[in-house]
Amino acid sequence: MGDRACVIFFDATDVSPTVYLHWHGDRVPTWLDDLKTRMAGRYSDAHYAAARFVGLCHERISGNLSLGIRSNSLTLTKVRDPLRIRDESPGDAGVVIVDTADFRWTAHGGYLAERRQP
């Protein structure tokens, strides 16, 4: 079916739209490391981080499939609630929540939830 992942960024006041990957869920941790470097000097901005992450994914995924953006109704309270976030998971790699204050991430509802962030 794929190696799906949903990636959502948040900052002190906002939650980004959901970035959907139909394939490449296993690459999300590496791509988030790359994003952290790219966002140096621009931390704590969920919308810019999401936009730059989409750009980074677009550079690495050929064609016109497997990358999407969708709105969500998530609040800061919901993105911090593991039970609520697990419900957002597409399966496979799961849903990844990224705190743009330091680009630490947590994963829920998929195999990335079992990986520890360095």
PDB file of N, CA and C in Angstrom:
ATOM      1  N   MET A   1       0.826  -1.200   0.000  1.00  0.00           N
ATOM      2  CA  MET A   1       0.000   0.000   0.000  1.00  0.00           C
ATOM      3  C   MET A   1       0.858   1.246   0.000  1.00  0.00           C
ATOM      4  N   GLY A   2       2.034   1.201   0.587  1.00  0.00           N
ATOM      5  CA  GLY A   2       2.891   2.375   0.658  1.00  0.00           C
ATOM      6  C   GLY A   2       3.739   2.325   1.907  1.00  0.00           C
ATOM      7  N   ASP A   3       4.407   3.407   2.161  1.00  0.00           N
ATOM      8  CA  ASP A   3       5.169   3.616   3.388  1.00  0.00           C
ATOM      9  C   ASP A   3       4.791   5.006   3.873  1.00  0.00           C
ATOM     10  N   ARG A   4       3.530   5.127   4.251  1.00  0.00           N
ATOM     11  CA  ARG A   4       2.912   6.418   4.514  1.00  0.00           C
ATOM     12  C   ARG A   4       3.371   7.048   5.815  1.00  0.00           C
ATOM     13  N   ALA A   5       3.382   8.378   5.795  1.00  0.00           N
ATOM     14  CA  ALA A   5       3.659   9.169   6.989  1.00  0.00           C
ATOM     15  C   ALA A   5       2.923  10.496   6.860  1.00  0.00           C
ATOM     16  N   CYS A   6       2.485  11.002   7.979  1.00  0.00           N
ATOM     17  CA  CYS A   6       1.954  12.358   8.069  1.00  0.00           C
ATOM     18  C   CYS A   6       2.874  13.129   8.993  1.00  0.00           C
ATOM     19  N   VAL A   7       3.279  14.318   8.580  1.00  0.00           N
ATOM     20  CA  VAL A   7       4.198  15.136   9.366  1.00  0.00           C
ATOM     21  C   VAL A   7       3.505  16.461   9.663  1.00  0.00           C
ATOM     22  N   ILE A   8       3.486  16.816  10.952  1.00  0.00           N
ATOM     23  CA  ILE A   8       2.806  18.025  11.411  1.00  0.00           C
ATOM     24  C   ILE A   8       3.779  18.805  12.292  1.00  0.00           C
ATOM     25  N   PHE A   9       3.872  20.097  12.040  1.00  0.00           N
ATOM     26  CA  PHE A   9       4.767  20.980  12.778  1.00  0.00           C
ATOM     27  C   PHE A   9       3.945  21.876  13.693  1.00  0.00           C
ATOM     28  N   PHE A  10       4.541  22.251  14.831  1.00  0.00           N
ATOM     29  CA  PHE A  10       3.877  23.220  15.701  1.00  0.00           C
ATOM     30  C   PHE A  10       4.899  24.147  16.318  1.00  0.00           C
ATOM     31  N   ASP A  11       4.412  25.330  16.735  1.00  0.00           N
ATOM     32  CA  ASP A  11       5.232  26.288  17.467  1.00  0.00           C
ATOM     33  C   ASP A  11       4.424  26.744  18.680  1.00  0.00           C
ATOM     34  N   ALA A  12       4.764  27.849  19.282  1.00  0.00           N
ATOM     35  CA  ALA A  12       4.089  28.286  20.511  1.00  0.00           C
ATOM     36  C   ALA A  12       2.629  28.659  20.305  1.00  0.00           C
ATOM     37  N   THR A  13       2.248  29.001  19.070  1.00  0.00           N
ATOM     38  CA  THR A  13       0.885  29.467  18.839  1.00  0.00           C
ATOM     39  C   THR A  13       0.139  28.751  17.718  1.00  0.00           C
ATOM     40  N   ASP A  14       0.837  28.050  16.831  1.00  0.00           N
ATOM     41  CA  ASP A  14       0.192  27.505  15.635  1.00  0.00           C
ATOM     42  C   ASP A  14       0.551  26.057  15.364  1.00  0.00           C
ATOM     43  N   VAL A  15      -0.341  25.412  14.614  1.00  0.00           N
ATOM     44  CA  VAL A  15      -0.134  24.058  14.104  1.00  0.00           C
ATOM     45  C   VAL A  15      -0.185  24.146  12.588  1.00  0.00           C
ATOM     46  N   SER A  16       0.762  23.508  11.930  1.00  0.00           N
ATOM     47  CA  SER A  16       0.821  23.547  10.469  1.00  0.00           C
ATOM     48  C   SER A  16      -0.211  22.618   9.840  1.00  0.00           C
ATOM     49  N   PRO A  17      -0.445  22.792   8.542  1.00  0.00           N
ATOM     50  CA  PRO A  17      -1.187  21.755   7.822  1.00  0.00           C
ATOM     51  C   PRO A  17      -0.401  20.443   7.872  1.00  0.00           C
ATOM     52  N   THR A  18      -1.058  19.367   7.543  1.00  0.00           N
ATOM     53  CA  THR A  18      -0.428  18.053   7.523  1.00  0.00           C
ATOM     54  C   THR A  18       0.294  17.841   6.198  1.00  0.00           C
ATOM     55  N   VAL A  19       1.550  17.404   6.277  1.00  0.00           N
ATOM     56  CA  VAL A  19       2.297  17.014   5.089  1.00  0.00           C
ATOM     57  C   VAL A  19       2.167  15.493   4.984  1.00  0.00           C
ATOM     58  N   TYR A  20       1.631  15.030   3.855  1.00  0.00           N
ATOM     59  CA  TYR A  20       1.377  13.603   3.648  1.00  0.00           C
ATOM     60  C   TYR A  20       2.385  13.027   2.662  1.00  0.00           C
ATOM     61  N   LEU A  21       3.019  11.948   3.066  1.00  0.00           N
ATOM     62  CA  LEU A  21       3.919  11.193   2.193  1.00  0.00           C
ATOM     63  C   LEU A  21       3.327   9.808   1.998  1.00  0.00           C
ATOM     64  N   HIS A  22       3.078   9.420   0.759  1.00  0.00           N
ATOM     65  CA  HIS A  22       2.542   8.086   0.521  1.00  0.00           C
ATOM     66  C   HIS A  22       3.661   7.041   0.579  1.00  0.00           C
ATOM     67  N   TRP A  23       4.832   7.414   0.155  1.00  0.00           N
ATOM     68  CA  TRP A  23       6.032   6.586   0.253  1.00  0.00           C
ATOM     69  C   TRP A  23       7.062   7.372   1.055  1.00  0.00           C
ATOM     70  N   HIS A  24       8.168   6.783   1.360  1.00  0.00           N
ATOM     71  CA  HIS A  24       9.304   7.467   1.996  1.00  0.00           C
ATOM     72  C   HIS A  24       9.133   7.727   3.487  1.00  0.00           C
ATOM     73  N   GLY A  25       8.200   7.072   4.158  1.00  0.00           N
ATOM     74  CA  GLY A  25       8.047   7.261   5.599  1.00  0.00           C
ATOM     75  C   GLY A  25       9.326   6.969   6.362  1.00  0.00           C
ATOM     76  N   ASP A  26      10.096   5.998   5.878  1.00  0.00           N
ATOM     77  CA  ASP A  26      11.344   5.654   6.558  1.00  0.00           C
ATOM     78  C   ASP A  26      12.394   6.758   6.464  1.00  0.00           C
ATOM     79  N   ARG A  27      12.221   7.677   5.536  1.00  0.00           N
ATOM     80  CA  ARG A  27      13.197   8.758   5.354  1.00  0.00           C
ATOM     81  C   ARG A  27      12.872  10.003   6.174  1.00  0.00           C
ATOM     82  N   VAL A  28      11.729  10.035   6.788  1.00  0.00           N
ATOM     83  CA  VAL A  28      11.307  11.225   7.528  1.00  0.00           C
ATOM     84  C   VAL A  28      12.338  11.654   8.572  1.00  0.00           C
ATOM     85  N   PRO A  29      12.888  10.766   9.407  1.00  0.00           N
ATOM     86  CA  PRO A  29      13.873  11.237  10.389  1.00  0.00           C
ATOM     87  C   PRO A  29      15.082  11.926   9.753  1.00  0.00           C
ATOM     88  N   THR A  30      15.605  11.367   8.679  1.00  0.00           N
ATOM     89  CA  THR A  30      16.751  11.980   8.002  1.00  0.00           C
ATOM     90  C   THR A  30      16.362  13.316   7.393  1.00  0.00           C
ATOM     91  N   TRP A  31      15.198  13.367   6.766  1.00  0.00           N
ATOM     92  CA  TRP A  31      14.752  14.616   6.150  1.00  0.00           C
ATOM     93  C   TRP A  31      14.477  15.692   7.195  1.00  0.00           C
ATOM     94  N   LEU A  32      14.039  15.296   8.389  1.00  0.00           N
ATOM     95  CA  LEU A  32      13.854  16.281   9.466  1.00  0.00           C
ATOM     96  C   LEU A  32      15.195  16.807   9.961  1.00  0.00           C
ATOM     97  N   ASP A  33      16.219  15.965   9.989  1.00  0.00           N
ATOM     98  CA  ASP A  33      17.566  16.450  10.324  1.00  0.00           C
ATOM     99  C   ASP A  33      18.026  17.482   9.305  1.00  0.00           C
ATOM    100  N   ASP A  34      17.798  17.200   8.025  1.00  0.00           N
ATOM    101  CA  ASP A  34      18.148  18.143   6.966  1.00  0.00           C
ATOM    102  C   ASP A  34      17.366  19.445   7.114  1.00  0.00           C
ATOM    103  N   LEU A  35      16.092  19.332   7.459  1.00  0.00           N
ATOM    104  CA  LEU A  35      15.260  20.510   7.647  1.00  0.00           C
ATOM    105  C   LEU A  35      15.766  21.358   8.808  1.00  0.00           C
ATOM    106  N   LYS A  36      16.169  20.723   9.883  1.00  0.00           N
ATOM    107  CA  LYS A  36      16.680  21.455  11.044  1.00  0.00           C
ATOM    108  C   LYS A  36      17.865  22.319  10.633  1.00  0.00           C
ATOM    109  N   THR A  37      18.748  21.763   9.831  1.00  0.00           N
ATOM    110  CA  THR A  37      19.891  22.533   9.339  1.00  0.00           C
ATOM    111  C   THR A  37      19.422  23.685   8.457  1.00  0.00           C
ATOM    112  N   ARG A  38      18.497  23.403   7.564  1.00  0.00           N
ATOM    113  CA  ARG A  38      17.986  24.424   6.639  1.00  0.00           C
ATOM    114  C   ARG A  38      17.287  25.551   7.393  1.00  0.00           C
ATOM    115  N   MET A  39      16.645  25.250   8.510  1.00  0.00           N
ATOM    116  CA  MET A  39      15.882  26.250   9.257  1.00  0.00           C
ATOM    117  C   MET A  39      16.712  27.009  10.291  1.00  0.00           C
ATOM    118  N   ALA A  40      18.018  26.818  10.308  1.00  0.00           N
ATOM    119  CA  ALA A  40      18.877  27.538  11.259  1.00  0.00           C
ATOM    120  C   ALA A  40      18.577  29.035  11.185  1.00  0.00           C
ATOM    121  N   GLY A  41      18.346  29.633  12.335  1.00  0.00           N
ATOM    122  CA  GLY A  41      18.014  31.052  12.402  1.00  0.00           C
ATOM    123  C   GLY A  41      16.530  31.337  12.223  1.00  0.00           C
ATOM    124  N   ARG A  42      15.732  30.300  11.963  1.00  0.00           N
ATOM    125  CA  ARG A  42      14.293  30.492  11.753  1.00  0.00           C
ATOM    126  C   ARG A  42      13.502  29.419  12.509  1.00  0.00           C
ATOM    127  N   TYR A  43      13.953  29.080  13.712  1.00  0.00           N
ATOM    128  CA  TYR A  43      13.223  28.121  14.524  1.00  0.00           C
ATOM    129  C   TYR A  43      11.919  28.750  15.026  1.00  0.00           C
ATOM    130  N   SER A  44      11.055  27.917  15.559  1.00  0.00           N
ATOM    131  CA  SER A  44       9.785  28.341  16.170  1.00  0.00           C
ATOM    132  C   SER A  44       8.827  28.983  15.173  1.00  0.00           C
ATOM    133  N   ASP A  45       8.796  28.452  13.970  1.00  0.00           N
ATOM    134  CA  ASP A  45       7.853  28.934  12.958  1.00  0.00           C
ATOM    135  C   ASP A  45       7.278  27.724  12.221  1.00  0.00           C
ATOM    136  N   ALA A  46       6.137  27.259  12.700  1.00  0.00           N
ATOM    137  CA  ALA A  46       5.538  26.023  12.184  1.00  0.00           C
ATOM    138  C   ALA A  46       5.204  26.115  10.697  1.00  0.00           C
ATOM    139  N   HIS A  47       4.704  27.246  10.261  1.00  0.00           N
ATOM    140  CA  HIS A  47       4.282  27.355   8.864  1.00  0.00           C
ATOM    141  C   HIS A  47       5.473  27.399   7.910  1.00  0.00           C
ATOM    142  N   TYR A  48       6.514  28.112   8.271  1.00  0.00           N
ATOM    143  CA  TYR A  48       7.709  28.129   7.429  1.00  0.00           C
ATOM    144  C   TYR A  48       8.390  26.767   7.431  1.00  0.00           C
ATOM    145  N   ALA A  49       8.421  26.111   8.569  1.00  0.00           N
ATOM    146  CA  ALA A  49       9.036  24.778   8.640  1.00  0.00           C
ATOM    147  C   ALA A  49       8.278  23.793   7.751  1.00  0.00           C
ATOM    148  N   ALA A  50       6.950  23.835   7.791  1.00  0.00           N
ATOM    149  CA  ALA A  50       6.155  22.936   6.947  1.00  0.00           C
ATOM    150  C   ALA A  50       6.414  23.224   5.473  1.00  0.00           C
ATOM    151  N   ALA A  51       6.466  24.492   5.112  1.00  0.00           N
ATOM    152  CA  ALA A  51       6.707  24.861   3.715  1.00  0.00           C
ATOM    153  C   ALA A  51       8.085  24.388   3.261  1.00  0.00           C
ATOM    154  N   ARG A  52       9.087  24.595   4.075  1.00  0.00           N
ATOM    155  CA  ARG A  52      10.442  24.163   3.710  1.00  0.00           C
ATOM    156  C   ARG A  52      10.551  22.645   3.674  1.00  0.00           C
ATOM    157  N   PHE A  53       9.827  21.965   4.555  1.00  0.00           N
ATOM    158  CA  PHE A  53       9.827  20.501   4.520  1.00  0.00           C
ATOM    159  C   PHE A  53       9.202  19.998   3.224  1.00  0.00           C
ATOM    160  N   VAL A  54       8.111  20.616   2.797  1.00  0.00           N
ATOM    161  CA  VAL A  54       7.495  20.239   1.522  1.00  0.00           C
ATOM    162  C   VAL A  54       8.499  20.453   0.390  1.00  0.00           C
ATOM    163  N   GLY A  55       9.203  21.578   0.415  1.00  0.00           N
ATOM    164  CA  GLY A  55      10.206  21.834  -0.613  1.00  0.00           C
ATOM    165  C   GLY A  55      11.307  20.795  -0.611  1.00  0.00           C
ATOM    166  N   LEU A  56      11.755  20.432   0.569  1.00  0.00           N
ATOM    167  CA  LEU A  56      12.793  19.413   0.701  1.00  0.00           C
ATOM    168  C   LEU A  56      12.294  18.072   0.152  1.00  0.00           C
ATOM    169  N   CYS A  57      11.059  17.705   0.486  1.00  0.00           N
ATOM    170  CA  CYS A  57      10.481  16.457  -0.025  1.00  0.00           C
ATOM    171  C   CYS A  57      10.353  16.518  -1.538  1.00  0.00           C
ATOM    172  N   HIS A  58       9.909  17.670  -2.038  1.00  0.00           N
ATOM    173  CA  HIS A  58       9.726  17.840  -3.476  1.00  0.00           C
ATOM    174  C   HIS A  58      11.051  17.652  -4.226  1.00  0.00           C
ATOM    175  N   GLU A  59      12.153  18.097  -3.634  1.00  0.00           N
ATOM    176  CA  GLU A  59      13.475  17.913  -4.245  1.00  0.00           C
ATOM    177  C   GLU A  59      13.839  16.435  -4.348  1.00  0.00           C
ATOM    178  N   ARG A  60      13.338  15.629  -3.438  1.00  0.00           N
ATOM    179  CA  ARG A  60      13.764  14.228  -3.327  1.00  0.00           C
ATOM    180  C   ARG A  60      12.776  13.221  -3.930  1.00  0.00           C
ATOM    181  N   ILE A  61      11.549  13.640  -4.186  1.00  0.00           N
ATOM    182  CA  ILE A  61      10.524  12.735  -4.714  1.00  0.00           C
ATOM    183  C   ILE A  61      10.226  13.150  -6.146  1.00  0.00           C
ATOM    184  N   SER A  62      10.516  12.275  -7.071  1.00  0.00           N
ATOM    185  CA  SER A  62      10.273  12.616  -8.473  1.00  0.00           C
ATOM    186  C   SER A  62       8.806  12.407  -8.842  1.00  0.00           C
ATOM    187  N   GLY A  63       8.423  13.000  -9.952  1.00  0.00           N
ATOM    188  CA  GLY A  63       7.064  12.823 -10.448  1.00  0.00           C
ATOM    189  C   GLY A  63       6.076  13.738  -9.761  1.00  0.00           C
ATOM    190  N   ASN A  64       4.802  13.373  -9.867  1.00  0.00           N
ATOM    191  CA  ASN A  64       3.746  14.208  -9.301  1.00  0.00           C
ATOM    192  C   ASN A  64       2.838  13.449  -8.336  1.00  0.00           C
ATOM    193  N   LEU A  65       3.357  12.373  -7.767  1.00  0.00           N
ATOM    194  CA  LEU A  65       2.609  11.582  -6.796  1.00  0.00           C
ATOM    195  C   LEU A  65       3.351  11.532  -5.466  1.00  0.00           C
ATOM    196  N   SER A  66       2.705  10.993  -4.464  1.00  0.00           N
ATOM    197  CA  SER A  66       3.333  10.609  -3.195  1.00  0.00           C
ATOM    198  C   SER A  66       3.653  11.748  -2.246  1.00  0.00           C
ATOM    199  N   LEU A  67       3.242  12.976  -2.536  1.00  0.00           N
ATOM    200  CA  LEU A  67       3.475  14.108  -1.645  1.00  0.00           C
ATOM    201  C   LEU A  67       2.237  14.993  -1.686  1.00  0.00           C
ATOM    202  N   GLY A  68       1.679  15.264  -0.524  1.00  0.00           N
ATOM    203  CA  GLY A  68       0.496  16.109  -0.468  1.00  0.00           C
ATOM    204  C   GLY A  68       0.475  16.968   0.780  1.00  0.00           C
ATOM    205  N   ILE A  69      -0.420  17.925   0.774  1.00  0.00           N
ATOM    206  CA  ILE A  69      -0.644  18.801   1.926  1.00  0.00           C
ATOM    207  C   ILE A  69      -2.147  18.817   2.161  1.00  0.00           C
ATOM    208  N   ARG A  70      -2.536  18.660   3.410  1.00  0.00           N
ATOM    209  CA  ARG A  70      -3.963  18.735   3.705  1.00  0.00           C
ATOM    210  C   ARG A  70      -4.196  19.518   4.985  1.00  0.00           C
ATOM    211  N   SER A  71      -5.323  20.166   5.022  1.00  0.00           N
ATOM    212  CA  SER A  71      -5.665  20.916   6.224  1.00  0.00           C
ATOM    213  C   SER A  71      -6.009  19.939   7.335  1.00  0.00           C
ATOM    214  N   ASN A  72      -5.971  20.434   8.541  1.00  0.00           N
ATOM    215  CA  ASN A  72      -6.379  19.638   9.697  1.00  0.00           C
ATOM    216  C   ASN A  72      -7.039  20.576  10.699  1.00  0.00           C
ATOM    217  N   SER A  73      -7.662  20.012  11.675  1.00  0.00           N
ATOM    218  CA  SER A  73      -8.311  20.826  12.710  1.00  0.00           C
ATOM    219  C   SER A  73      -7.622  20.651  14.060  1.00  0.00           C
ATOM    220  N   LEU A  74      -6.334  20.358  13.998  1.00  0.00           N
ATOM    221  CA  LEU A  74      -5.576  20.099  15.221  1.00  0.00           C
ATOM    222  C   LEU A  74      -5.245  21.399  15.953  1.00  0.00           C
ATOM    223  N   THR A  75      -5.307  21.322  17.259  1.00  0.00           N
ATOM    224  CA  THR A  75      -4.918  22.431  18.123  1.00  0.00           C
ATOM    225  C   THR A  75      -3.610  22.068  18.805  1.00  0.00           C
ATOM    226  N   LEU A  76      -3.022  23.039  19.473  1.00  0.00           N
ATOM    227  CA  LEU A  76      -1.796  22.753  20.227  1.00  0.00           C
ATOM    228  C   LEU A  76      -2.040  21.684  21.286  1.00  0.00           C
ATOM    229  N   THR A  77      -3.195  21.702  21.915  1.00  0.00           N
ATOM    230  CA  THR A  77      -3.530  20.685  22.914  1.00  0.00           C
ATOM    231  C   THR A  77      -3.579  19.304  22.274  1.00  0.00           C
ATOM    232  N   LYS A  78      -4.195  19.206  21.101  1.00  0.00           N
ATOM    233  CA  LYS A  78      -4.323  17.915  20.432  1.00  0.00           C
ATOM    234  C   LYS A  78      -2.977  17.372  19.952  1.00  0.00           C
ATOM    235  N   VAL A  79      -2.090  18.234  19.426  1.00  0.00           N
ATOM    236  CA  VAL A  79      -0.808  17.709  18.932  1.00  0.00           C
ATOM    237  C   VAL A  79       0.080  17.216  20.065  1.00  0.00           C
ATOM    238  N   ARG A  80      -0.217  17.641  21.272  1.00  0.00           N
ATOM    239  CA  ARG A  80       0.552  17.186  22.440  1.00  0.00           C
ATOM    240  C   ARG A  80      -0.082  15.979  23.133  1.00  0.00           C
ATOM    241  N   ASP A  81      -1.189  15.479  22.595  1.00  0.00           N
ATOM    242  CA  ASP A  81      -1.909  14.355  23.184  1.00  0.00           C
ATOM    243  C   ASP A  81      -1.660  13.092  22.358  1.00  0.00           C
ATOM    244  N   PRO A  82      -0.809  12.184  22.856  1.00  0.00           N
ATOM    245  CA  PRO A  82      -0.464  10.986  22.080  1.00  0.00           C
ATOM    246  C   PRO A  82      -1.665  10.150  21.658  1.00  0.00           C
ATOM    247  N   LEU A  83      -2.695  10.061  22.483  1.00  0.00           N
ATOM    248  CA  LEU A  83      -3.867   9.274  22.117  1.00  0.00           C
ATOM    249  C   LEU A  83      -4.617   9.916  20.956  1.00  0.00           C
ATOM    250  N   ARG A  84      -4.749  11.221  20.979  1.00  0.00           N
ATOM    251  CA  ARG A  84      -5.448  11.932  19.904  1.00  0.00           C
ATOM    252  C   ARG A  84      -4.633  11.857  18.606  1.00  0.00           C
ATOM    253  N   ILE A  85      -3.351  12.031  18.695  1.00  0.00           N
ATOM    254  CA  ILE A  85      -2.498  12.044  17.505  1.00  0.00           C
ATOM    255  C   ILE A  85      -2.435  10.662  16.872  1.00  0.00           C
ATOM    256  N   ARG A  86      -2.427   9.626  17.660  1.00  0.00           N
ATOM    257  CA  ARG A  86      -2.398   8.274  17.104  1.00  0.00           C
ATOM    258  C   ARG A  86      -3.580   8.046  16.167  1.00  0.00           C
ATOM    259  N   ASP A  87      -4.708   8.683  16.443  1.00  0.00           N
ATOM    260  CA  ASP A  87      -5.880   8.574  15.578  1.00  0.00           C
ATOM    261  C   ASP A  87      -5.663   9.207  14.200  1.00  0.00           C
ATOM    262  N   GLU A  88      -4.686  10.076  14.080  1.00  0.00           N
ATOM    263  CA  GLU A  88      -4.378  10.736  12.804  1.00  0.00           C
ATOM    264  C   GLU A  88      -3.478   9.873  11.917  1.00  0.00           C
ATOM    265  N   SER A  89      -2.970   8.780  12.452  1.00  0.00           N
ATOM    266  CA  SER A  89      -1.982   7.971  11.738  1.00  0.00           C
ATOM    267  C   SER A  89      -2.562   7.272  10.516  1.00  0.00           C
ATOM    268  N   PRO A  90      -1.809   7.312   9.406  1.00  0.00           N
ATOM    269  CA  PRO A  90      -2.217   6.552   8.225  1.00  0.00           C
ATOM    270  C   PRO A  90      -1.727   5.106   8.277  1.00  0.00           C
ATOM    271  N   GLY A  91      -1.074   4.725   9.370  1.00  0.00           N
ATOM    272  CA  GLY A  91      -0.426   3.420   9.457  1.00  0.00           C
ATOM    273  C   GLY A  91       1.018   3.551   8.988  1.00  0.00           C
ATOM    274  N   ASP A  92       1.625   2.454   8.623  1.00  0.00           N
ATOM    275  CA  ASP A  92       3.012   2.435   8.143  1.00  0.00           C
ATOM    276  C   ASP A  92       3.929   3.202   9.103  1.00  0.00           C
ATOM    277  N   ALA A  93       4.543   4.301   8.658  1.00  0.00           N
ATOM    278  CA  ALA A  93       5.477   5.055   9.499  1.00  0.00           C
ATOM    279  C   ALA A  93       4.758   5.841  10.588  1.00  0.00           C
ATOM    280  N   GLY A  94       3.498   6.184  10.364  1.00  0.00           N
ATOM    281  CA  GLY A  94       2.713   6.864  11.384  1.00  0.00           C
ATOM    282  C   GLY A  94       2.644   8.364  11.193  1.00  0.00           C
ATOM    283  N   VAL A  95       2.279   9.047  12.254  1.00  0.00           N
ATOM    284  CA  VAL A  95       2.209  10.512  12.245  1.00  0.00           C
ATOM    285  C   VAL A  95       3.362  11.033  13.085  1.00  0.00           C
ATOM    286  N   VAL A  96       4.051  12.023  12.546  1.00  0.00           N
ATOM    287  CA  VAL A  96       5.232  12.594  13.194  1.00  0.00           C
ATOM    288  C   VAL A  96       4.909  14.036  13.563  1.00  0.00           C
ATOM    289  N   ILE A  97       5.093  14.353  14.836  1.00  0.00           N
ATOM    290  CA  ILE A  97       4.830  15.696  15.347  1.00  0.00           C
ATOM    291  C   ILE A  97       6.176  16.351  15.644  1.00  0.00           C
ATOM    292  N   VAL A  98       6.385  17.530  15.055  1.00  0.00           N
ATOM    293  CA  VAL A  98       7.671  18.215  15.165  1.00  0.00           C
ATOM    294  C   VAL A  98       7.487  19.541  15.904  1.00  0.00           C
ATOM    295  N   ASP A  99       8.230  19.697  17.001  1.00  0.00           N
ATOM    296  CA  ASP A  99       8.253  20.951  17.750  1.00  0.00           C
ATOM    297  C   ASP A  99       9.321  21.839  17.118  1.00  0.00           C
ATOM    298  N   THR A 100       8.907  22.923  16.498  1.00  0.00           N
ATOM    299  CA  THR A 100       9.864  23.759  15.777  1.00  0.00           C
ATOM    300  C   THR A 100      10.750  24.607  16.699  1.00  0.00           C
ATOM    301  N   ALA A 101      10.519  24.562  18.001  1.00  0.00           N
ATOM    302  CA  ALA A 101      11.416  25.259  18.925  1.00  0.00           C
ATOM    303  C   ALA A 101      12.818  24.663  18.878  1.00  0.00           C
ATOM    304  N   ASP A 102      12.887  23.325  18.664  1.00  0.00           N
ATOM    305  CA  ASP A 102      14.184  22.648  18.622  1.00  0.00           C
ATOM    306  C   ASP A 102      14.230  21.513  17.595  1.00  0.00           C
ATOM    307  N   PHE A 103      13.140  21.314  16.875  1.00  0.00           N
ATOM    308  CA  PHE A 103      12.998  20.286  15.842  1.00  0.00           C
ATOM    309  C   PHE A 103      13.086  18.861  16.384  1.00  0.00           C
ATOM    310  N   ARG A 104      12.785  18.707  17.667  1.00  0.00           N
ATOM    311  CA  ARG A 104      12.628  17.353  18.203  1.00  0.00           C
ATOM    312  C   ARG A 104      11.271  16.847  17.734  1.00  0.00           C
ATOM    313  N   TRP A 105      11.191  15.554  17.502  1.00  0.00           N
ATOM    314  CA  TRP A 105       9.953  14.984  16.988  1.00  0.00           C
ATOM    315  C   TRP A 105       9.558  13.751  17.772  1.00  0.00           C
ATOM    316  N   THR A 106       8.282  13.474  17.731  1.00  0.00           N
ATOM    317  CA  THR A 106       7.741  12.234  18.276  1.00  0.00           C
ATOM    318  C   THR A 106       6.869  11.609  17.195  1.00  0.00           C
ATOM    319  N   ALA A 107       6.787  10.304  17.199  1.00  0.00           N
ATOM    320  CA  ALA A 107       5.965   9.595  16.223  1.00  0.00           C
ATOM    321  C   ALA A 107       4.927   8.754  16.953  1.00  0.00           C
ATOM    322  N   HIS A 108       3.806   8.565  16.297  1.00  0.00           N
ATOM    323  CA  HIS A 108       2.676   7.859  16.903  1.00  0.00           C
ATOM    324  C   HIS A 108       1.976   7.024  15.854  1.00  0.00           C
ATOM    325  N   GLY A 109       1.496   5.859  16.250  1.00  0.00           N
ATOM    326  CA  GLY A 109       0.656   5.046  15.382  1.00  0.00           C
ATOM    327  C   GLY A 109       1.362   4.415  14.198  1.00  0.00           C
ATOM    328  N   GLY A 110       2.648   4.158  14.312  1.00  0.00           N
ATOM    329  CA  GLY A 110       3.393   3.524  13.229  1.00  0.00           C
ATOM    330  C   GLY A 110       4.761   3.088  13.706  1.00  0.00           C
ATOM    331  N   TYR A 111       5.535   2.520  12.797  1.00  0.00           N
ATOM    332  CA  TYR A 111       6.825   1.970  13.210  1.00  0.00           C
ATOM    333  C   TYR A 111       7.835   3.028  13.655  1.00  0.00           C
ATOM    334  N   LEU A 112       7.696   4.282  13.225  1.00  0.00           N
ATOM    335  CA  LEU A 112       8.625   5.318  13.701  1.00  0.00           C
ATOM    336  C   LEU A 112       8.462   5.596  15.185  1.00  0.00           C
ATOM    337  N   ALA A 113       7.308   5.237  15.745  1.00  0.00           N
ATOM    338  CA  ALA A 113       7.077   5.449  17.182  1.00  0.00           C
ATOM    339  C   ALA A 113       8.040   4.627  18.024  1.00  0.00           C
ATOM    340  N   GLU A 114       8.582   3.567  17.443  1.00  0.00           N
ATOM    341  CA  GLU A 114       9.513   2.709  18.165  1.00  0.00           C
ATOM    342  C   GLU A 114      10.945   3.201  18.101  1.00  0.00           C
ATOM    343  N   ARG A 115      11.234   4.139  17.203  1.00  0.00           N
ATOM    344  CA  ARG A 115      12.590   4.681  17.082  1.00  0.00           C
ATOM    345  C   ARG A 115      12.802   5.799  18.076  1.00  0.00           C
ATOM    346  N   ARG A 116      13.993   5.832  18.614  1.00  0.00           N
ATOM    347  CA  ARG A 116      14.364   6.905  19.522  1.00  0.00           C
ATOM    348  C   ARG A 116      15.093   7.981  18.739  1.00  0.00           C
ATOM    349  N   GLN A 117      14.779   9.214  19.043  1.00  0.00           N
ATOM    350  CA  GLN A 117      15.467  10.317  18.403  1.00  0.00           C
ATOM    351  C   GLN A 117      16.842  10.475  19.061  1.00  0.00           C
ATOM    352  N   PRO A 118      17.881  10.702  18.231  1.00  0.00           N
ATOM    353  CA  PRO A 118      19.235  10.849  18.831  1.00  0.00           C
ATOM    354  C   PRO A 118      19.335  12.055  19.728  1.00  0.00           C
TER     355      PRO A 118
END
